N, C-alpha and C. Protein backbone atom coordinates (compact mmCIF):
# COMPACT_ATOMS: atom_id res chain seq x y z
N MET A 1 87.51 -4.72 -34.88
CA MET A 1 87.62 -5.58 -33.86
C MET A 1 86.66 -6.61 -33.43
N ASN A 2 86.94 -7.66 -33.66
CA ASN A 2 85.79 -9.04 -33.46
C ASN A 2 85.30 -8.97 -31.78
N PHE A 3 84.07 -8.64 -31.91
CA PHE A 3 83.53 -8.73 -30.59
C PHE A 3 82.97 -9.94 -30.15
N ASN A 4 83.04 -10.77 -31.00
CA ASN A 4 82.84 -12.19 -30.25
C ASN A 4 84.25 -12.81 -29.71
N ASN A 5 85.11 -12.65 -30.21
CA ASN A 5 86.44 -13.04 -29.65
C ASN A 5 86.52 -12.94 -28.44
N TYR A 6 86.21 -11.37 -28.86
CA TYR A 6 86.63 -10.64 -27.16
C TYR A 6 85.84 -10.93 -26.23
N TYR A 7 84.45 -10.97 -26.39
CA TYR A 7 83.69 -11.37 -25.25
C TYR A 7 83.84 -12.80 -24.63
N ASN A 8 84.48 -13.65 -25.60
CA ASN A 8 84.39 -15.32 -25.08
C ASN A 8 85.86 -15.44 -24.98
N MET A 9 86.72 -14.08 -24.73
CA MET A 9 88.17 -14.85 -24.39
C MET A 9 88.02 -15.36 -23.17
N GLY A 10 87.50 -15.06 -21.99
CA GLY A 10 87.49 -15.74 -20.54
C GLY A 10 87.47 -17.04 -20.81
N ASN A 11 86.40 -17.57 -21.88
CA ASN A 11 85.98 -19.06 -22.14
C ASN A 11 87.00 -19.91 -22.45
N VAL A 12 88.13 -19.36 -23.46
CA VAL A 12 88.90 -20.25 -24.00
C VAL A 12 89.65 -21.13 -23.25
N GLY A 13 89.42 -22.34 -23.17
CA GLY A 13 90.36 -23.21 -22.59
C GLY A 13 89.19 -23.93 -21.31
N ASN A 14 88.57 -23.09 -20.64
CA ASN A 14 88.11 -23.22 -19.17
C ASN A 14 86.21 -23.64 -19.86
N VAL A 15 85.96 -24.12 -20.40
CA VAL A 15 84.70 -24.14 -21.17
C VAL A 15 83.54 -25.11 -19.81
N GLY A 16 82.70 -24.76 -18.94
CA GLY A 16 82.23 -25.43 -18.02
C GLY A 16 83.29 -25.57 -16.78
N ASN A 17 84.02 -24.97 -16.64
CA ASN A 17 85.07 -25.42 -15.25
C ASN A 17 85.18 -24.12 -14.52
N VAL A 18 84.92 -24.08 -13.65
CA VAL A 18 84.98 -22.97 -12.18
C VAL A 18 86.40 -22.50 -12.01
N GLY A 19 86.78 -21.74 -12.47
CA GLY A 19 87.88 -20.96 -12.53
C GLY A 19 88.48 -20.96 -10.84
N SER A 20 90.20 -20.97 -10.85
CA SER A 20 90.44 -20.47 -9.17
C SER A 20 90.37 -18.97 -8.80
N MET A 21 90.54 -18.71 -7.70
CA MET A 21 90.28 -17.57 -7.62
C MET A 21 91.41 -16.74 -7.81
N ASN A 22 92.66 -17.09 -8.52
CA ASN A 22 93.83 -16.51 -9.30
C ASN A 22 92.91 -15.69 -10.50
N GLU A 23 92.55 -16.95 -11.48
CA GLU A 23 92.24 -16.60 -12.43
C GLU A 23 90.86 -15.07 -12.54
N ILE A 24 89.88 -15.59 -11.77
CA ILE A 24 89.03 -14.53 -11.53
C ILE A 24 89.26 -12.99 -11.37
N GLU A 25 90.16 -12.91 -10.41
CA GLU A 25 90.88 -11.61 -9.68
C GLU A 25 91.80 -10.72 -10.87
N PHE A 26 91.79 -11.78 -12.29
CA PHE A 26 92.38 -11.50 -13.23
C PHE A 26 92.37 -10.68 -13.84
N CYS A 27 92.53 -9.44 -14.23
CA CYS A 27 92.13 -8.41 -15.20
C CYS A 27 93.28 -7.93 -16.40
N PRO A 28 93.01 -8.29 -17.68
CA PRO A 28 93.99 -8.01 -18.42
C PRO A 28 94.26 -6.66 -18.65
N ASP A 29 95.46 -5.92 -19.13
CA ASP A 29 95.32 -4.35 -19.27
C ASP A 29 95.10 -4.38 -20.79
N CYS A 30 93.58 -3.86 -21.12
CA CYS A 30 93.06 -3.66 -22.58
C CYS A 30 93.24 -2.57 -23.21
N PRO A 31 93.58 -2.24 -23.54
CA PRO A 31 93.74 -0.34 -24.21
C PRO A 31 92.26 -0.44 -24.44
N THR A 32 91.86 0.98 -24.64
CA THR A 32 90.78 1.63 -24.92
C THR A 32 90.47 1.93 -26.05
N GLN A 33 89.59 1.60 -27.05
CA GLN A 33 89.30 2.13 -28.02
C GLN A 33 88.52 2.79 -28.51
N THR A 34 88.84 3.99 -29.70
CA THR A 34 87.56 4.82 -29.55
C THR A 34 87.58 4.45 -31.22
N ILE A 35 86.06 4.25 -31.42
CA ILE A 35 85.70 3.94 -32.77
C ILE A 35 84.13 5.53 -33.08
N TYR A 36 84.36 5.92 -34.30
CA TYR A 36 83.37 6.76 -34.66
C TYR A 36 83.07 6.19 -35.73
N ASP A 37 81.40 6.47 -35.08
CA ASP A 37 80.52 6.12 -36.46
C ASP A 37 80.32 7.37 -37.61
N PRO A 38 79.72 7.00 -38.59
CA PRO A 38 79.51 8.10 -39.20
C PRO A 38 78.61 8.93 -39.21
N PRO A 39 78.63 10.22 -38.83
CA PRO A 39 77.58 11.34 -38.78
C PRO A 39 76.21 11.13 -38.99
N ILE A 40 75.41 11.58 -38.26
CA ILE A 40 73.77 11.44 -38.34
C ILE A 40 73.25 13.06 -38.60
N THR A 41 72.59 12.83 -39.67
CA THR A 41 71.83 14.21 -40.13
C THR A 41 70.39 14.31 -39.54
N GLN A 42 70.30 15.11 -38.99
CA GLN A 42 69.30 15.33 -37.87
C GLN A 42 68.50 16.87 -39.10
N TYR A 43 67.12 16.83 -39.44
CA TYR A 43 66.31 17.87 -39.85
C TYR A 43 65.76 18.23 -38.58
N GLU A 44 65.54 19.74 -38.78
CA GLU A 44 64.19 20.37 -37.97
C GLU A 44 63.53 21.32 -39.04
N ASN A 45 62.23 21.27 -39.42
CA ASN A 45 61.61 21.45 -40.10
C ASN A 45 60.65 22.69 -39.80
N TYR A 46 60.64 24.03 -40.26
CA TYR A 46 60.34 24.61 -39.63
C TYR A 46 58.68 24.88 -40.91
N TYR A 47 57.85 25.54 -40.27
CA TYR A 47 56.64 25.96 -41.75
C TYR A 47 56.28 27.12 -40.94
N HIS A 48 56.08 28.02 -42.54
CA HIS A 48 55.34 29.67 -42.51
C HIS A 48 54.39 29.53 -43.44
N PRO A 49 53.42 30.26 -43.18
CA PRO A 49 51.93 30.38 -43.67
C PRO A 49 52.60 30.87 -45.51
N GLN A 50 52.02 30.51 -46.44
CA GLN A 50 51.97 31.16 -47.57
C GLN A 50 50.46 31.19 -48.09
N LEU A 51 50.22 32.78 -48.57
CA LEU A 51 48.78 33.04 -48.95
C LEU A 51 49.50 31.90 -50.41
N VAL A 52 48.08 31.23 -50.84
CA VAL A 52 48.13 31.33 -52.28
C VAL A 52 46.82 31.09 -52.57
N ASN A 53 46.15 32.13 -53.65
CA ASN A 53 45.22 32.09 -53.91
C ASN A 53 44.82 31.11 -55.45
N VAL A 54 43.65 30.11 -54.96
CA VAL A 54 42.96 29.74 -55.81
C VAL A 54 41.68 30.15 -56.59
N VAL A 55 41.62 30.21 -57.75
CA VAL A 55 40.66 30.16 -58.29
C VAL A 55 39.48 29.16 -59.18
N GLN A 56 38.48 29.16 -58.53
CA GLN A 56 37.79 27.86 -59.02
C GLN A 56 36.59 28.26 -59.73
N ASN A 57 36.53 27.88 -60.67
CA ASN A 57 35.04 28.76 -61.57
C ASN A 57 34.31 27.30 -61.61
N ILE A 58 32.81 27.65 -61.33
CA ILE A 58 31.69 26.43 -61.06
C ILE A 58 30.77 27.13 -62.52
N GLU A 59 30.57 25.72 -62.90
CA GLU A 59 29.75 26.01 -64.32
C GLU A 59 28.47 25.34 -63.66
N THR A 60 27.40 25.73 -63.96
CA THR A 60 26.40 24.91 -63.55
C THR A 60 25.58 24.70 -65.11
N ILE A 61 25.21 23.49 -65.27
CA ILE A 61 24.41 23.07 -66.39
C ILE A 61 23.14 22.59 -65.76
N LYS A 62 21.92 23.15 -66.28
CA LYS A 62 20.46 22.47 -65.88
C LYS A 62 20.02 21.79 -66.86
N GLN A 63 19.92 20.71 -66.65
CA GLN A 63 19.75 19.23 -67.64
C GLN A 63 18.34 19.42 -67.35
N HIS A 64 17.74 19.29 -68.50
CA HIS A 64 15.94 19.07 -68.70
C HIS A 64 16.08 17.39 -69.14
N HIS A 65 15.20 16.80 -68.79
CA HIS A 65 14.38 15.24 -68.91
C HIS A 65 13.40 15.14 -69.16
N CYS A 66 12.69 14.49 -70.60
CA CYS A 66 11.64 14.16 -70.41
C CYS A 66 10.98 12.69 -69.61
N CYS A 67 10.32 12.78 -68.71
CA CYS A 67 10.25 11.13 -68.10
C CYS A 67 8.28 11.13 -68.33
N PRO A 68 8.02 9.85 -68.47
CA PRO A 68 6.96 9.33 -68.52
C PRO A 68 5.71 9.09 -67.30
N VAL A 69 5.14 10.16 -67.49
CA VAL A 69 4.04 10.05 -65.83
C VAL A 69 2.56 9.42 -66.51
N TYR A 70 2.20 8.22 -66.42
CA TYR A 70 1.17 7.78 -66.73
C TYR A 70 -0.02 8.52 -66.20
N LYS A 71 -0.96 8.85 -66.88
CA LYS A 71 -2.29 9.25 -66.49
C LYS A 71 -3.51 8.35 -67.04
N HIS A 72 -3.80 7.73 -65.85
CA HIS A 72 -5.04 6.31 -66.42
C HIS A 72 -6.37 7.09 -66.73
N ILE A 73 -7.00 6.90 -68.22
CA ILE A 73 -8.30 7.37 -68.14
C ILE A 73 -9.08 6.18 -68.92
N TYR A 74 -10.03 6.26 -67.98
CA TYR A 74 -11.10 5.05 -68.05
C TYR A 74 -12.38 5.79 -68.28
N THR A 75 -12.93 4.72 -69.55
CA THR A 75 -14.00 4.84 -70.29
C THR A 75 -15.20 3.94 -69.67
N HIS A 76 -16.59 4.31 -69.94
CA HIS A 76 -17.57 3.47 -69.29
C HIS A 76 -18.83 3.07 -70.29
N THR A 77 -19.20 2.22 -70.29
CA THR A 77 -20.45 2.02 -71.33
C THR A 77 -21.30 0.99 -70.39
N GLU A 78 -22.03 1.03 -70.82
CA GLU A 78 -23.62 0.64 -70.13
C GLU A 78 -24.75 -0.12 -71.37
N LYS A 79 -24.86 -1.28 -70.89
CA LYS A 79 -25.94 -2.10 -71.98
C LYS A 79 -26.87 -3.23 -71.39
N ASN A 80 -27.93 -2.77 -71.61
CA ASN A 80 -28.92 -3.61 -71.19
C ASN A 80 -28.88 -5.02 -71.75
N VAL A 81 -29.25 -6.14 -70.90
CA VAL A 81 -29.29 -7.46 -71.46
C VAL A 81 -30.75 -8.16 -70.67
N MET A 82 -31.25 -8.96 -71.33
CA MET A 82 -32.55 -9.61 -71.22
C MET A 82 -32.09 -11.08 -70.56
N VAL A 83 -32.35 -11.38 -69.32
CA VAL A 83 -31.75 -12.76 -69.26
C VAL A 83 -33.20 -13.35 -68.57
N SER A 84 -33.83 -14.28 -69.00
CA SER A 84 -34.66 -15.57 -69.11
C SER A 84 -34.59 -16.13 -67.82
N GLY A 85 -35.68 -17.34 -66.93
CA GLY A 85 -35.67 -17.51 -66.38
C GLY A 85 -35.66 -19.13 -66.81
N LEU A 86 -35.39 -19.77 -68.37
CA LEU A 86 -35.83 -20.61 -68.35
C LEU A 86 -34.09 -21.34 -68.80
N LYS A 87 -33.93 -22.60 -67.84
CA LYS A 87 -32.29 -22.59 -68.16
C LYS A 87 -32.31 -24.03 -69.28
N ARG A 88 -31.34 -23.84 -70.18
CA ARG A 88 -31.25 -24.69 -71.43
C ARG A 88 -30.19 -25.51 -71.44
N GLY A 89 -30.36 -26.52 -71.65
CA GLY A 89 -29.21 -27.71 -72.46
C GLY A 89 -28.70 -27.94 -71.26
N LYS A 90 -27.32 -28.11 -71.21
CA LYS A 90 -26.47 -29.39 -70.92
C LYS A 90 -25.80 -29.04 -69.43
N HIS A 91 -26.61 -28.37 -69.01
CA HIS A 91 -25.78 -27.49 -67.66
C HIS A 91 -26.13 -28.67 -66.43
N ASN A 92 -26.31 -29.83 -66.36
CA ASN A 92 -26.69 -30.76 -65.36
C ASN A 92 -24.93 -32.29 -65.52
N LYS A 93 -24.92 -32.11 -66.62
CA LYS A 93 -23.89 -32.99 -67.17
C LYS A 93 -22.58 -33.13 -66.14
N ALA A 94 -21.82 -33.89 -65.73
CA ALA A 94 -20.97 -33.75 -64.89
C ALA A 94 -19.87 -33.96 -66.24
N LYS A 95 -18.69 -33.28 -65.52
CA LYS A 95 -17.24 -33.05 -66.58
C LYS A 95 -16.83 -34.49 -65.90
N LYS A 96 -16.26 -34.76 -67.60
CA LYS A 96 -14.97 -36.28 -66.88
C LYS A 96 -13.73 -35.69 -66.76
N ARG A 97 -12.97 -35.87 -65.66
CA ARG A 97 -11.88 -35.51 -65.29
C ARG A 97 -10.57 -36.38 -66.21
N SER A 98 -9.84 -35.48 -66.29
CA SER A 98 -8.52 -36.44 -67.29
C SER A 98 -7.63 -36.75 -66.00
N LYS A 99 -7.14 -37.95 -66.48
CA LYS A 99 -5.80 -38.41 -65.98
C LYS A 99 -4.53 -38.00 -66.19
């Protein structure tokens, strides 16, 4: 059945016009139709506990690594130096700056 034509049958030829009282009260004798859609399948899921033993082996591996740890060892020496009070030579000359 073409539903577009079925619903638009009253507008054929009267587009935009107001019908008279006789046309508004007119009810065509349209037979009832029955249409069957394909069946819809519904599923209801029920869950029941089932014990499943899972054995998981755990292996421990101990890894040993050498890493450097710095230990500072300092040596100390002493020496005696004689410093005289005389000033020698070129300590008063000014240095030239380079450009």
